[in-house]
C-alpha cells in the first residue's frame, strides 16, 4: 500500500504529539508500506526533505492563527497528491485537511481519519469548520481513536460509531532503553549538573499547561527542562523571569532524539501539566514510562490519567492547580523509593500494554480493511506502485 499522512506540522518545526505518532507509522521499518507525509510549515517557505527515510512535503506558511498554519496552498496540495495513494491518513484536528477533502478526493482512495482530539476553544469559527469536519467523517472509511474517552467526549464522532476503531498508541521500548557509551557520559554529566531535574516535553502552546508548571516551580527545589517548540516560547520565558524562576528553567527547543533520551534518563520525573481536553492521550507519558520515570499528570477527563495512573505509575493532580502540582513533584523528588516504585511499574505497564509493533500492526490492518471496503464501492481500483 501507498499511504499519505497529512497533518498541519511535522519535524523539525514541531516534535512530539501527533508528529511523533506519524513518525511511528512511517519510515522503512514501520509497516512495510511506502509512506509520504504532507504538512505545512510552522512558518516559512515550502520545502521537501527526507526524514527517517520518509519523504516529507511541507507547504509554505505565513505563520499561525490559533495554532493553525496560514497555508492556503495546503488543500490544493492534498487534493493533487491524493490520487497517487491507496490510503489517505488524515490526522485531526486540522481544518485544512477537511478543506482538501471538500475539494474532492478520488473515489478509489481510502480515507482513514486519525482523530487525536476535538477542536477546543475555537467557538467563533466552529460554525464554519463543523460542516467541513462532518463532510470528512462522511467520506472516511475508518476513524481511529487512541482511547474510548476520545470517542465519548466528541459530539462529532457519535454518529459514526460504526466506523470508529480504538487503537492505543505504542512505543519501541528498546529505542528508549538502549544507551551507548557516549550517551551514558552525557547522562552522567546532566545528572551531575542537574541532580533534581524535572522534564516535560510538548508543543509550547497554552493547553499544555507549562505556565502552571512555572508557577509551581516557585515552590519546588529543582530545575525544569521543557523540550519543544511553539508560539508560547517567549511568553514562557517572560513569565519565568517575572516569577523569579528563569535561572531554573531551560527551553532548548527541538532536540535530536539522543539528546531527548539523555534528558529523560537524567531526570528524576516527568510531568504532563496539561489543562484542557485538547490533551487527549499524552503519548509522551508512555515514552517517559518506558525509560522508568514516574509521572505527574493532571486529572483531565481524557485518557491522560488512565495511562500513568494515580498511585500506580505516577501521581495525578487537579487541573490548573500549581500548589498541588508542586506538592506532587516535591513528593517524588524527596522520596526516591516511591519514585523508583512508580517508575518501575510504569516500565512494566508499557511493556505489557503499549508495544509499538502491536500499534503499527493494528493500524495497518485498519488501512487494509479501508482499502478493501473502498474497492468494493469503486470497482477497478488497483494498488498503486
Protein backbone atom coordinates (compact mmCIF):
# COMPACT_ATOMS: atom_id res chain seq x y z
CA UNK A 1 0.00 0.00 0.00
CA UNK A 2 0.96 3.59 -0.59
CA UNK A 3 -0.05 5.80 2.33
CA UNK A 4 -0.09 9.59 2.57
CA UNK A 5 -0.16 11.04 6.09
CA UNK A 6 -1.49 14.61 6.22
CA UNK A 7 -1.30 16.99 9.17
CA UNK A 8 -0.59 20.61 9.96
CA UNK A 9 3.07 20.40 11.10
CA UNK A 10 5.93 17.97 11.36
CA UNK A 11 9.52 17.67 12.45
CA UNK A 12 11.76 19.58 12.75
CA UNK A 13 9.35 22.54 13.00
CA UNK A 14 7.41 20.75 15.76
CA UNK A 15 8.07 17.49 17.59
CA UNK A 16 6.05 15.34 19.96
CA UNK A 17 2.33 14.58 19.97
CA UNK A 18 0.82 13.97 16.55
CA UNK A 19 4.15 14.34 14.68
CA UNK A 20 5.53 11.59 16.93
CA UNK A 21 2.58 9.33 16.05
CA UNK A 22 3.14 9.97 12.34
CA UNK A 23 6.84 9.16 12.74
CA UNK A 24 5.94 5.82 14.34
CA UNK A 25 3.68 4.94 11.40
CA UNK A 26 6.15 5.85 8.66
CA UNK A 27 9.76 5.09 7.81
CA UNK A 28 11.32 1.98 6.34
CA UNK A 29 10.85 -0.12 9.48
CA UNK A 30 7.24 0.84 10.18
CA UNK A 31 4.68 -1.20 8.26
CA UNK A 32 6.48 -2.31 5.11
CA UNK A 33 4.37 0.10 3.06
CA UNK A 34 5.54 3.15 1.16
CA UNK A 35 4.61 6.28 3.06
CA UNK A 36 4.89 10.01 2.46
CA UNK A 37 3.99 12.96 4.66
CA UNK A 38 2.23 16.18 3.69
CA UNK A 39 2.24 19.05 6.16
CA UNK A 40 2.51 22.83 6.37
CA UNK A 41 5.47 24.76 7.66
CA UNK A 42 5.13 26.22 11.12
CA UNK A 43 6.28 29.38 9.36
CA UNK A 44 8.31 29.78 6.21
CA UNK A 45 8.79 28.83 2.57
CA UNK A 46 7.80 25.42 1.19
CA UNK A 47 10.37 22.66 1.33
CA UNK A 48 10.80 19.00 0.51
CA UNK A 49 13.07 16.74 2.53
CA UNK A 50 13.52 13.18 3.75
CA UNK A 51 13.34 12.46 7.47
CA UNK A 52 13.74 8.99 8.92
CA UNK A 53 13.66 7.57 5.41
CA UNK A 54 10.25 9.13 4.65
CA UNK A 55 9.71 11.87 2.04
CA UNK A 56 8.11 14.98 3.53
CA UNK A 57 6.49 17.84 1.64
CA UNK A 58 5.96 20.93 3.78
CA UNK A 59 3.72 23.55 2.18
CA UNK A 60 4.68 27.16 2.80
CA UNK A 61 3.01 29.07 5.63
CA UNK A 62 2.74 32.75 6.56
CA UNK A 63 2.64 31.87 10.28
CA UNK A 64 -0.14 30.70 12.56
CA UNK A 65 -3.52 31.79 13.83
CA UNK A 66 -4.86 29.88 16.86
CA UNK A 67 -2.23 27.14 16.37
CA UNK A 68 -3.21 26.61 12.72
CA UNK A 69 -0.76 27.36 9.91
CA UNK A 70 -1.81 30.01 7.42
CA UNK A 71 -1.08 27.77 4.44
CA UNK A 72 -3.56 28.46 1.61
CA UNK A 73 -1.79 26.02 -0.69
CA UNK A 74 -2.29 23.02 1.58
CA UNK A 75 -5.81 21.93 0.48
CA UNK A 76 -4.77 22.07 -3.18
CA UNK A 77 -1.61 20.07 -2.43
CA UNK A 78 -3.67 17.45 -0.61
CA UNK A 79 -6.14 17.09 -3.44
CA UNK A 80 -3.36 16.88 -6.01
CA UNK A 81 -1.33 14.31 -4.09
CA UNK A 82 -4.20 12.03 -3.02
CA UNK A 83 -4.57 10.33 -6.40
CA UNK A 84 -1.12 8.72 -6.06
CA UNK A 85 -2.01 6.82 -2.89
CA UNK A 86 -4.13 3.90 -1.76
CA UNK A 87 -4.77 5.39 1.69
CA UNK A 88 -5.12 8.99 2.77
CA UNK A 89 -4.39 9.08 6.52
CA UNK A 90 -5.77 12.39 7.83
CA UNK A 91 -4.59 13.41 11.28
CA UNK A 92 -7.12 15.63 13.06
CA UNK A 93 -7.75 18.27 14.18
CA UNK A 94 -6.62 20.26 11.15
CA UNK A 95 -9.33 22.15 9.22
CA UNK A 96 -7.17 22.44 6.09
CA UNK A 97 -7.36 18.64 5.82
CA UNK A 98 -11.13 18.99 5.80
CA UNK A 99 -11.00 21.71 3.17
CA UNK A 100 -8.83 19.47 0.99
CA UNK A 101 -11.40 16.67 1.27
CA UNK A 102 -14.14 19.14 0.35
CA UNK A 103 -12.20 19.98 -2.83
CA UNK A 104 -12.52 16.34 -3.83
CA UNK A 105 -10.70 13.06 -3.17
CA UNK A 106 -10.76 10.31 -5.85
CA UNK A 107 -13.42 7.70 -5.15
CA UNK A 108 -10.94 4.82 -5.18
CA UNK A 109 -8.70 6.35 -2.47
CA UNK A 110 -9.45 5.06 1.04
CA UNK A 111 -9.66 7.74 3.74
CA UNK A 112 -8.71 6.90 7.32
CA UNK A 113 -9.11 9.64 9.92
CA UNK A 114 -6.81 9.54 12.94
CA UNK A 115 -8.96 11.52 15.38
CA UNK A 116 -6.49 12.73 18.00
CA UNK A 117 -8.77 15.30 19.65
CA UNK A 118 -11.66 17.68 19.06
CA UNK A 119 -11.01 21.33 18.28
CA UNK A 120 -11.11 23.13 21.64
CA UNK A 121 -11.71 26.80 22.40
CA UNK A 122 -12.49 27.94 18.86
CA UNK A 123 -16.21 28.63 19.22
CA UNK A 124 -16.20 31.62 16.88
CA UNK A 125 -15.04 29.59 13.88
CA UNK A 126 -16.86 26.33 14.57
CA UNK A 127 -19.97 27.23 12.53
CA UNK A 128 -17.66 27.46 9.52
CA UNK A 129 -15.46 24.48 10.33
CA UNK A 130 -18.06 21.98 11.59
CA UNK A 131 -19.69 21.26 8.20
CA UNK A 132 -16.25 20.57 6.70
CA UNK A 133 -15.38 18.19 9.54
CA UNK A 134 -18.65 16.29 9.10
CA UNK A 135 -18.03 16.05 5.37
CA UNK A 136 -14.65 14.44 6.08
CA UNK A 137 -16.19 11.97 8.53
CA UNK A 138 -18.88 11.13 5.98
CA UNK A 139 -16.15 10.38 3.42
CA UNK A 140 -13.96 8.43 5.85
CA UNK A 141 -13.82 4.66 5.55
CA UNK A 142 -12.48 4.22 9.09
CA UNK A 143 -11.83 6.51 12.09
CA UNK A 144 -9.09 5.63 14.58
CA UNK A 145 -9.08 6.90 18.17
CA UNK A 146 -6.43 6.11 20.77
CA UNK A 147 -8.81 5.74 23.72
CA UNK A 148 -12.52 5.31 24.34
CA UNK A 149 -12.66 8.67 26.15
CA UNK A 150 -11.82 10.43 22.88
CA UNK A 151 -14.93 8.96 21.26
CA UNK A 152 -17.09 9.52 24.35
CA UNK A 153 -16.12 13.18 24.53
CA UNK A 154 -16.69 14.02 20.87
CA UNK A 155 -20.10 15.03 19.58
CA UNK A 156 -18.64 14.84 16.06
CA UNK A 157 -17.87 11.13 16.36
CA UNK A 158 -21.12 9.93 17.89
CA UNK A 159 -22.96 9.45 14.55
CA UNK A 160 -20.00 7.45 13.19
CA UNK A 161 -19.66 4.75 15.82
CA UNK A 162 -19.69 2.01 13.17
CA UNK A 163 -16.57 3.49 11.57
CA UNK A 164 -14.61 4.01 14.81
CA UNK A 165 -11.79 1.73 15.96
CA UNK A 166 -9.85 2.15 19.22
CA UNK A 167 -6.09 1.53 18.92
CA UNK A 168 -3.84 2.68 21.79
CA UNK A 169 -0.52 4.24 20.85
CA UNK A 170 2.67 2.27 21.33
CA UNK A 171 6.38 2.87 21.74
CA UNK A 172 9.54 0.98 20.91
CA UNK A 173 10.95 0.37 24.38
CA UNK A 174 14.37 -0.57 23.01
CA UNK A 175 14.68 2.88 21.44
CA UNK A 176 14.43 4.43 24.89
CA UNK A 177 16.49 1.90 26.84
CA UNK A 178 19.47 1.25 24.53
CA UNK A 179 22.24 3.58 25.71
CA UNK A 180 25.71 3.66 24.18
CA UNK A 181 28.85 4.86 25.96
CA UNK A 182 28.72 8.41 24.58
CA UNK A 183 25.11 8.84 25.63
CA UNK A 184 25.84 7.37 29.05
CA UNK A 185 28.53 10.02 29.56
CA UNK A 186 26.08 12.73 28.53
CA UNK A 187 23.51 11.39 31.01
CA UNK A 188 26.11 11.33 33.79
CA UNK A 189 27.04 14.96 33.05
CA UNK A 190 23.40 16.06 33.19
CA UNK A 191 22.80 14.22 36.45
CA UNK A 192 25.88 15.80 37.98
CA UNK A 193 24.95 19.32 36.88
CA UNK A 194 21.18 18.97 37.50
CA UNK A 195 20.61 16.49 40.35
CA UNK A 196 16.91 17.39 40.81
CA UNK A 197 15.87 17.65 37.18
CA UNK A 198 12.20 17.64 36.10
CA UNK A 199 11.48 17.05 32.42
CA UNK A 200 8.45 17.98 30.31
CA UNK A 201 8.01 17.82 26.55
CA UNK A 202 5.46 19.07 24.05
CA UNK A 203 4.46 21.95 21.83
CA UNK A 204 4.78 25.27 23.58
CA UNK A 205 1.08 26.11 23.40
CA UNK A 206 -1.34 27.18 26.16
CA UNK A 207 -3.22 23.90 26.63
CA UNK A 208 -0.01 22.12 27.65
CA UNK A 209 -0.14 23.95 30.98
CA UNK A 210 3.52 24.91 31.06
CA UNK A 211 2.65 28.27 32.62
CA UNK A 212 1.15 26.34 35.55
CA UNK A 213 4.38 24.34 35.80
CA UNK A 214 6.38 27.58 36.04
CA UNK A 215 4.10 28.81 38.82
CA UNK A 216 4.65 25.51 40.61
CA UNK A 217 8.41 25.84 40.15
CA UNK A 218 8.35 28.72 42.65
CA UNK A 219 7.62 26.11 45.33
CA UNK A 220 9.96 23.38 44.05
CA UNK A 221 13.60 22.75 44.90
CA UNK A 222 14.58 21.62 41.44
CA UNK A 223 15.11 22.56 37.81
CA UNK A 224 12.79 22.15 34.83
CA UNK A 225 13.58 21.48 31.18
CA UNK A 226 10.68 21.79 28.71
CA UNK A 227 11.63 20.22 25.37
CA UNK A 228 9.73 21.53 22.35
CA UNK A 229 8.99 24.45 20.07
CA UNK A 230 5.95 26.66 19.82
CA UNK A 231 4.40 30.11 19.81
CA UNK A 232 4.42 30.38 23.63
CA UNK A 233 8.19 30.22 23.98
CA UNK A 234 8.75 33.95 24.53
CA UNK A 235 5.73 34.20 26.84
CA UNK A 236 7.03 31.33 28.96
CA UNK A 237 10.47 32.92 29.17
CA UNK A 238 8.97 36.24 30.27
CA UNK A 239 6.75 34.50 32.83
CA UNK A 240 9.75 32.65 34.25
CA UNK A 241 11.58 35.94 34.67
CA UNK A 242 8.53 37.54 36.29
CA UNK A 243 8.19 34.62 38.72
CA UNK A 244 11.89 34.59 39.54
CA UNK A 245 12.49 31.05 38.25
CA UNK A 246 14.26 31.78 34.95
CA UNK A 247 17.56 30.51 36.35
CA UNK A 248 15.96 27.07 36.92
CA UNK A 249 14.25 26.76 33.54
CA UNK A 250 15.61 25.50 30.23
CA UNK A 251 13.77 25.84 26.94
CA UNK A 252 16.10 24.10 24.48
CA UNK A 253 13.57 23.86 21.66
CA UNK A 254 13.67 20.92 19.26
CA UNK A 255 16.32 18.36 20.21
CA UNK A 256 17.78 15.36 18.40
CA UNK A 257 16.45 12.04 19.65
CA UNK A 258 19.61 11.10 21.56
CA UNK A 259 19.57 14.40 23.43
CA UNK A 260 15.91 13.86 24.37
CA UNK A 261 16.86 10.40 25.66
CA UNK A 262 19.71 11.91 27.66
CA UNK A 263 17.37 14.35 29.41
CA UNK A 264 14.80 11.63 30.07
CA UNK A 265 17.39 9.31 31.64
CA UNK A 266 18.94 12.13 33.66
CA UNK A 267 15.63 13.42 35.03
CA UNK A 268 14.04 12.39 38.30
CA UNK A 269 10.48 12.55 36.96
CA UNK A 270 8.32 13.55 34.01
CA UNK A 271 5.37 15.92 34.24
CA UNK A 272 2.43 16.49 31.89
CA UNK A 273 0.62 19.54 33.37
CA UNK A 274 -1.94 19.93 30.55
CA UNK A 275 -5.05 21.99 31.30
CA UNK A 276 -7.64 21.23 28.59
CA UNK A 277 -9.15 18.24 26.82
CA UNK A 278 -7.01 19.10 23.80
CA UNK A 279 -4.56 16.79 25.57
CA UNK A 280 -6.49 13.67 24.67
CA UNK A 281 -3.87 10.97 25.33
CA UNK A 282 -0.36 12.17 26.14
CA UNK A 283 1.83 9.76 24.15
CA UNK A 284 4.95 11.28 25.67
CA UNK A 285 3.91 9.80 29.03
CA UNK A 286 4.42 6.32 27.58
CA UNK A 287 7.89 7.26 26.34
CA UNK A 288 8.83 8.57 29.79
CA UNK A 289 7.39 5.44 31.40
CA UNK A 290 9.49 3.27 29.05
CA UNK A 291 12.57 4.97 30.49
CA UNK A 292 11.32 4.26 34.03
CA UNK A 293 10.34 7.77 35.02
CA UNK A 294 7.49 8.35 37.46
CA UNK A 295 4.82 10.66 36.04
CA UNK A 296 2.95 13.67 37.43
CA UNK A 297 -0.09 14.38 35.28
CA UNK A 298 -3.46 16.10 35.61
CA UNK A 299 -6.99 14.83 36.19
CA UNK A 300 -8.34 15.60 32.73
CA UNK A 301 -11.49 13.78 31.57
CA UNK A 302 -9.39 12.17 28.82
CA UNK A 303 -7.01 9.23 28.56
CA UNK A 304 -4.21 11.18 30.27
CA UNK A 305 -4.74 9.99 33.88
CA UNK A 306 -5.56 6.46 32.72
CA UNK A 307 -2.10 5.97 31.16
CA UNK A 308 0.01 6.82 34.21
CA UNK A 309 -2.47 6.09 37.00
CA UNK A 310 -2.51 7.87 40.32
CA UNK A 311 -0.58 5.87 42.92
CA UNK A 312 0.38 3.18 40.40
CA UNK A 313 2.68 4.69 37.75
CA UNK A 314 2.54 8.30 38.88
CA UNK A 315 0.67 10.98 40.75
CA UNK A 316 -2.39 12.78 39.36
CA UNK A 317 -3.26 16.31 40.50
CA UNK A 318 -6.19 18.64 39.80
CA UNK A 319 -6.09 20.60 36.56
CA UNK A 320 -4.61 24.11 36.69
CA UNK A 321 -3.55 23.77 40.34
CA UNK A 322 0.03 24.97 40.75
CA UNK A 323 0.29 24.27 44.53
CA UNK A 324 -0.90 20.67 44.12
CA UNK A 325 1.39 20.19 41.13
CA UNK A 326 4.32 21.48 43.16
CA UNK A 327 3.45 19.22 46.10
CA UNK A 328 3.33 16.11 43.89
CA UNK A 329 6.63 16.94 42.21
CA UNK A 330 8.30 17.64 45.57
CA UNK A 331 6.99 14.36 46.93
CA UNK A 332 8.70 12.40 44.16
CA UNK A 333 11.89 14.43 44.36
CA UNK A 334 12.11 13.87 48.11
CA UNK A 335 11.07 10.20 48.15
CA UNK A 336 13.31 8.22 45.77
CA UNK A 337 11.84 4.91 46.98
CA UNK A 338 8.32 5.95 45.92
CA UNK A 339 9.62 7.46 42.69
CA UNK A 340 11.50 4.26 41.88
CA UNK A 341 8.48 2.06 42.57
CA UNK A 342 6.21 4.16 40.35
CA UNK A 343 8.84 4.27 37.62
CA UNK A 344 9.34 0.50 37.67
CA UNK A 345 5.57 -0.03 37.49
CA UNK A 346 5.38 2.31 34.51
CA UNK A 347 8.10 0.42 32.68
CA UNK A 348 6.23 -2.85 33.20
CA UNK A 349 2.94 -1.33 32.04
CA UNK A 350 4.47 -0.07 28.80
CA UNK A 351 5.99 -3.48 28.05
CA UNK A 352 2.67 -5.21 28.69
CA UNK A 353 0.19 -2.81 27.07
CA UNK A 354 1.84 -0.25 24.79
CA UNK A 355 4.15 -2.15 22.46
CA UNK A 356 4.83 -0.27 19.24
CA UNK A 357 4.73 -3.34 16.97
CA UNK A 358 1.16 -4.07 18.11
CA UNK A 359 0.14 -0.45 17.45
CA UNK A 360 1.61 -0.49 13.94
CA UNK A 361 0.10 -3.87 13.06
CA UNK A 362 -3.36 -2.82 14.21
CA UNK A 363 -3.23 0.42 12.25
CA UNK A 364 -2.06 -1.38 9.14
CA UNK A 365 -4.99 -3.79 9.43
CA UNK A 366 -7.37 -0.83 9.54
CA UNK A 367 -5.73 0.60 6.41
CA UNK A 368 -6.09 -2.75 4.62
CA UNK A 369 -9.75 -3.02 5.61
CA UNK A 370 -10.38 0.53 4.42
CA UNK A 371 -8.78 -0.19 1.04
CA UNK A 372 -10.82 -3.38 0.61
CA UNK A 373 -14.00 -1.57 1.58
CA UNK A 374 -13.26 1.31 -0.77
CA UNK A 375 -12.52 -1.00 -3.70
CA UNK A 376 -15.86 -2.64 -3.14
CA UNK A 377 -17.53 0.73 -3.68
CA UNK A 378 -15.23 1.85 -6.51
CA UNK A 379 -14.74 -1.16 -8.86
CA UNK A 380 -11.49 -1.37 -10.74
CA UNK A 381 -9.28 0.19 -8.07
CA UNK A 382 -5.73 -1.12 -8.10
CA UNK A 383 -2.91 -0.85 -5.62
CA UNK A 384 -0.65 1.99 -6.74
CA UNK A 385 3.07 1.43 -7.26
